Amino acid sequence: MNESLVLQALKLMVIGMGTVFLFLSLMIFLLNLQAKIVTKYFLKTGFQNPNLKESKEVKKLKNKEEKIDLEVVAVITAAVKRFRAKKAQNG
């Protein structure tokens, strides 16, 4: 009787795991198909939702990005190069 229960449990386990595997495989296939369709038909045409407006925070960030000082960028770049050179020397 115990062998019978163990075999039934193994069969049930294999069927359950097989079902989950098939479902996940199908889901991955469909999501990849959906991504290709969206990319083909919506992203190339520049699809944008006209109802969406930029928030104040996004506008502030864009303004800050435009105001980045080139001198600060040069100082940061030099500091990174110096750090990497020291790191390479010390091994």
N, C-alpha and C. Protein backbone atom coordinates (compact mmCIF):
# COMPACT_ATOMS: atom_id res chain seq x y z
N MET A 1 0.82 -1.19 0.00
CA MET A 1 0.00 0.00 0.00
C MET A 1 0.86 1.26 0.00
N ASN A 2 2.00 1.23 0.69
CA ASN A 2 2.87 2.40 0.75
C ASN A 2 3.48 2.70 -0.61
N GLU A 3 3.84 1.66 -1.37
CA GLU A 3 4.39 1.90 -2.70
C GLU A 3 3.36 2.59 -3.59
N SER A 4 2.17 2.17 -3.45
CA SER A 4 1.10 2.75 -4.25
C SER A 4 0.95 4.24 -3.94
N LEU A 5 1.00 4.59 -2.68
CA LEU A 5 0.88 6.00 -2.30
C LEU A 5 2.07 6.81 -2.79
N VAL A 6 3.26 6.22 -2.70
CA VAL A 6 4.46 6.93 -3.15
C VAL A 6 4.40 7.13 -4.67
N LEU A 7 3.99 6.11 -5.40
CA LEU A 7 3.88 6.24 -6.85
C LEU A 7 2.81 7.28 -7.23
N GLN A 8 1.72 7.27 -6.51
CA GLN A 8 0.68 8.27 -6.78
C GLN A 8 1.20 9.68 -6.49
N ALA A 9 1.95 9.81 -5.43
CA ALA A 9 2.51 11.12 -5.09
C ALA A 9 3.50 11.57 -6.16
N LEU A 10 4.34 10.66 -6.64
CA LEU A 10 5.30 11.01 -7.70
C LEU A 10 4.58 11.41 -8.99
N LYS A 11 3.54 10.64 -9.33
CA LYS A 11 2.77 10.98 -10.53
C LYS A 11 2.15 12.37 -10.40
N LEU A 12 1.55 12.63 -9.26
CA LEU A 12 0.92 13.91 -9.02
C LEU A 12 1.96 15.04 -9.07
N MET A 13 3.13 14.80 -8.52
CA MET A 13 4.19 15.80 -8.52
C MET A 13 4.65 16.08 -9.95
N VAL A 14 4.85 15.03 -10.75
CA VAL A 14 5.30 15.21 -12.13
C VAL A 14 4.24 15.95 -12.94
N ILE A 15 2.99 15.59 -12.76
CA ILE A 15 1.91 16.28 -13.49
C ILE A 15 1.84 17.75 -13.08
N GLY A 16 1.94 18.02 -11.80
CA GLY A 16 1.89 19.39 -11.32
C GLY A 16 3.05 20.22 -11.82
N MET A 17 4.25 19.68 -11.73
CA MET A 17 5.43 20.42 -12.18
C MET A 17 5.41 20.59 -13.69
N GLY A 18 4.93 19.60 -14.40
CA GLY A 18 4.81 19.71 -15.86
C GLY A 18 3.82 20.78 -16.26
N THR A 19 2.71 20.85 -15.53
CA THR A 19 1.71 21.87 -15.81
C THR A 19 2.28 23.27 -15.58
N VAL A 20 2.97 23.45 -14.48
CA VAL A 20 3.57 24.75 -14.17
C VAL A 20 4.61 25.11 -15.23
N PHE A 21 5.43 24.14 -15.63
CA PHE A 21 6.44 24.39 -16.65
C PHE A 21 5.81 24.82 -17.97
N LEU A 22 4.77 24.11 -18.39
CA LEU A 22 4.09 24.46 -19.63
C LEU A 22 3.46 25.85 -19.55
N PHE A 23 2.82 26.15 -18.43
CA PHE A 23 2.21 27.46 -18.26
C PHE A 23 3.25 28.57 -18.33
N LEU A 24 4.36 28.40 -17.62
CA LEU A 24 5.41 29.43 -17.61
C LEU A 24 6.04 29.58 -19.00
N SER A 25 6.23 28.46 -19.70
CA SER A 25 6.78 28.53 -21.05
C SER A 25 5.85 29.29 -21.98
N LEU A 26 4.55 29.01 -21.89
CA LEU A 26 3.56 29.71 -22.69
C LEU A 26 3.54 31.20 -22.35
N MET A 27 3.63 31.51 -21.07
CA MET A 27 3.60 32.91 -20.64
C MET A 27 4.83 33.66 -21.18
N ILE A 28 6.00 33.05 -21.13
CA ILE A 28 7.21 33.68 -21.65
C ILE A 28 7.08 33.91 -23.15
N PHE A 29 6.58 32.94 -23.86
CA PHE A 29 6.40 33.08 -25.31
C PHE A 29 5.45 34.23 -25.62
N LEU A 30 4.32 34.28 -24.93
CA LEU A 30 3.34 35.33 -25.19
C LEU A 30 3.87 36.72 -24.82
N LEU A 31 4.62 36.83 -23.73
CA LEU A 31 5.18 38.12 -23.36
C LEU A 31 6.23 38.59 -24.36
N ASN A 32 7.03 37.68 -24.88
CA ASN A 32 8.00 38.04 -25.91
C ASN A 32 7.29 38.48 -27.19
N LEU A 33 6.22 37.79 -27.54
CA LEU A 33 5.43 38.15 -28.71
C LEU A 33 4.82 39.54 -28.52
N GLN A 34 4.29 39.78 -27.34
CA GLN A 34 3.70 41.09 -27.03
C GLN A 34 4.76 42.19 -27.13
N ALA A 35 5.95 41.94 -26.63
CA ALA A 35 7.02 42.94 -26.69
C ALA A 35 7.38 43.26 -28.13
N LYS A 36 7.42 42.25 -28.98
CA LYS A 36 7.73 42.49 -30.39
C LYS A 36 6.64 43.30 -31.07
N ILE A 37 5.40 43.00 -30.75
CA ILE A 37 4.28 43.73 -31.34
C ILE A 37 4.29 45.18 -30.89
N VAL A 38 4.48 45.40 -29.61
CA VAL A 38 4.50 46.77 -29.08
C VAL A 38 5.65 47.55 -29.69
N THR A 39 6.80 46.94 -29.78
CA THR A 39 7.97 47.61 -30.35
C THR A 39 7.74 47.95 -31.82
N LYS A 40 7.14 47.03 -32.54
CA LYS A 40 6.95 47.22 -33.97
C LYS A 40 5.92 48.31 -34.27
N TYR A 41 4.81 48.29 -33.57
CA TYR A 41 3.70 49.16 -33.94
C TYR A 41 3.60 50.45 -33.14
N PHE A 42 4.17 50.51 -31.96
CA PHE A 42 3.98 51.69 -31.13
C PHE A 42 5.25 52.51 -30.94
N LEU A 43 6.37 51.88 -30.71
CA LEU A 43 7.57 52.63 -30.38
C LEU A 43 8.18 53.33 -31.59
N LYS A 44 8.07 52.73 -32.77
CA LYS A 44 8.65 53.35 -33.96
C LYS A 44 7.85 54.57 -34.41
N THR A 45 6.58 54.60 -34.09
CA THR A 45 5.75 55.73 -34.51
C THR A 45 5.80 56.87 -33.51
N GLY A 46 6.54 56.70 -32.45
CA GLY A 46 6.63 57.75 -31.44
C GLY A 46 5.35 57.90 -30.65
N PHE A 47 4.75 56.80 -30.31
CA PHE A 47 3.49 56.83 -29.56
C PHE A 47 3.69 57.51 -28.22
N GLN A 48 2.89 58.52 -27.96
CA GLN A 48 2.92 59.20 -26.69
C GLN A 48 1.50 59.48 -26.27
N ASN A 49 1.26 59.37 -25.01
CA ASN A 49 -0.07 59.65 -24.49
C ASN A 49 -0.22 61.15 -24.31
N PRO A 50 -1.11 61.79 -25.07
CA PRO A 50 -1.24 63.25 -24.96
C PRO A 50 -1.84 63.70 -23.64
N ASN A 51 -2.45 62.78 -22.91
CA ASN A 51 -3.06 63.14 -21.63
C ASN A 51 -2.05 63.25 -20.50
N LEU A 52 -0.85 62.71 -20.71
CA LEU A 52 0.17 62.76 -19.67
C LEU A 52 0.93 64.08 -19.75
N LYS A 53 1.08 64.73 -18.63
CA LYS A 53 1.83 65.98 -18.57
C LYS A 53 3.03 65.80 -17.65
N GLU A 54 4.08 66.54 -17.93
CA GLU A 54 5.27 66.46 -17.08
C GLU A 54 4.95 67.08 -15.73
N SER A 55 5.41 66.41 -14.70
CA SER A 55 5.21 66.95 -13.36
C SER A 55 6.20 68.08 -13.11
N LYS A 56 5.95 68.83 -12.07
CA LYS A 56 6.84 69.94 -11.72
C LYS A 56 8.23 69.43 -11.38
N GLU A 57 8.28 68.26 -10.73
CA GLU A 57 9.58 67.70 -10.35
C GLU A 57 10.41 67.36 -11.58
N VAL A 58 9.76 66.80 -12.61
CA VAL A 58 10.48 66.44 -13.83
C VAL A 58 11.01 67.69 -14.51
N LYS A 59 10.20 68.74 -14.55
CA LYS A 59 10.64 69.99 -15.17
C LYS A 59 11.82 70.59 -14.41
N LYS A 60 11.78 70.52 -13.07
CA LYS A 60 12.89 71.03 -12.27
C LYS A 60 14.17 70.26 -12.55
N LEU A 61 14.05 68.93 -12.66
CA LEU A 61 15.24 68.12 -12.93
C LEU A 61 15.82 68.44 -14.29
N LYS A 62 14.96 68.66 -15.28
CA LYS A 62 15.47 69.01 -16.61
C LYS A 62 16.20 70.34 -16.57
N ASN A 63 15.68 71.29 -15.84
CA ASN A 63 16.35 72.59 -15.72
C ASN A 63 17.69 72.45 -15.02
N LYS A 64 17.76 71.61 -13.99
CA LYS A 64 19.02 71.40 -13.27
C LYS A 64 20.05 70.75 -14.18
N GLU A 65 19.60 69.79 -15.00
CA GLU A 65 20.53 69.12 -15.90
C GLU A 65 21.12 70.11 -16.89
N GLU A 66 20.35 71.07 -17.32
CA GLU A 66 20.85 72.06 -18.28
C GLU A 66 21.86 73.00 -17.64
N LYS A 67 21.79 73.15 -16.33
CA LYS A 67 22.64 74.12 -15.65
C LYS A 67 23.95 73.52 -15.12
N ILE A 68 24.24 72.28 -15.47
CA ILE A 68 25.47 71.66 -14.98
C ILE A 68 26.67 72.45 -15.51
N ASP A 69 27.54 72.84 -14.60
CA ASP A 69 28.70 73.65 -14.95
C ASP A 69 29.79 72.77 -15.55
N LEU A 70 30.33 73.16 -16.67
CA LEU A 70 31.37 72.37 -17.33
C LEU A 70 32.63 72.29 -16.49
N GLU A 71 32.90 73.31 -15.70
CA GLU A 71 34.07 73.30 -14.83
C GLU A 71 33.94 72.19 -13.78
N VAL A 72 32.75 72.03 -13.24
CA VAL A 72 32.52 70.98 -12.25
C VAL A 72 32.72 69.61 -12.89
N VAL A 73 32.24 69.45 -14.11
CA VAL A 73 32.42 68.18 -14.82
C VAL A 73 33.90 67.91 -15.04
N ALA A 74 34.66 68.92 -15.38
CA ALA A 74 36.10 68.74 -15.60
C ALA A 74 36.81 68.36 -14.30
N VAL A 75 36.43 68.97 -13.19
CA VAL A 75 37.04 68.65 -11.90
C VAL A 75 36.73 67.21 -11.51
N ILE A 76 35.49 66.79 -11.69
CA ILE A 76 35.10 65.42 -11.34
C ILE A 76 35.85 64.43 -12.22
N THR A 77 35.97 64.73 -13.51
CA THR A 77 36.68 63.84 -14.43
C THR A 77 38.14 63.70 -14.03
N ALA A 78 38.77 64.81 -13.68
CA ALA A 78 40.17 64.76 -13.26
C ALA A 78 40.33 63.96 -11.97
N ALA A 79 39.41 64.12 -11.05
CA ALA A 79 39.49 63.38 -9.79
C ALA A 79 39.35 61.88 -10.02
N VAL A 80 38.45 61.50 -10.90
CA VAL A 80 38.27 60.07 -11.20
C VAL A 80 39.52 59.51 -11.86
N LYS A 81 40.11 60.25 -12.81
CA LYS A 81 41.32 59.78 -13.47
C LYS A 81 42.46 59.62 -12.47
N ARG A 82 42.59 60.57 -11.56
CA ARG A 82 43.65 60.51 -10.56
C ARG A 82 43.44 59.32 -9.63
N PHE A 83 42.20 59.10 -9.21
CA PHE A 83 41.89 57.96 -8.34
C PHE A 83 42.23 56.65 -9.02
N ARG A 84 41.84 56.53 -10.29
CA ARG A 84 42.12 55.28 -11.02
C ARG A 84 43.61 55.07 -11.22
N ALA A 85 44.36 56.16 -11.44
CA ALA A 85 45.80 56.04 -11.61
C ALA A 85 46.46 55.58 -10.33
N LYS A 86 46.04 56.12 -9.19
CA LYS A 86 46.59 55.70 -7.90
C LYS A 86 46.24 54.24 -7.62
N LYS A 87 45.02 53.88 -7.93
CA LYS A 87 44.57 52.51 -7.70
C LYS A 87 45.38 51.52 -8.54
N ALA A 88 45.68 51.91 -9.80
CA ALA A 88 46.47 51.05 -10.68
C ALA A 88 47.90 50.90 -10.18
N GLN A 89 48.48 51.97 -9.61
CA GLN A 89 49.84 51.92 -9.09
C GLN A 89 49.93 51.01 -7.86
N ASN A 90 48.93 51.12 -6.99
CA ASN A 90 48.96 50.33 -5.76
C ASN A 90 48.53 48.90 -5.97
N GLY A 91 47.94 48.62 -7.09
CA GLY A 91 47.65 47.27 -7.48
C GLY A 91 46.45 46.67 -6.94
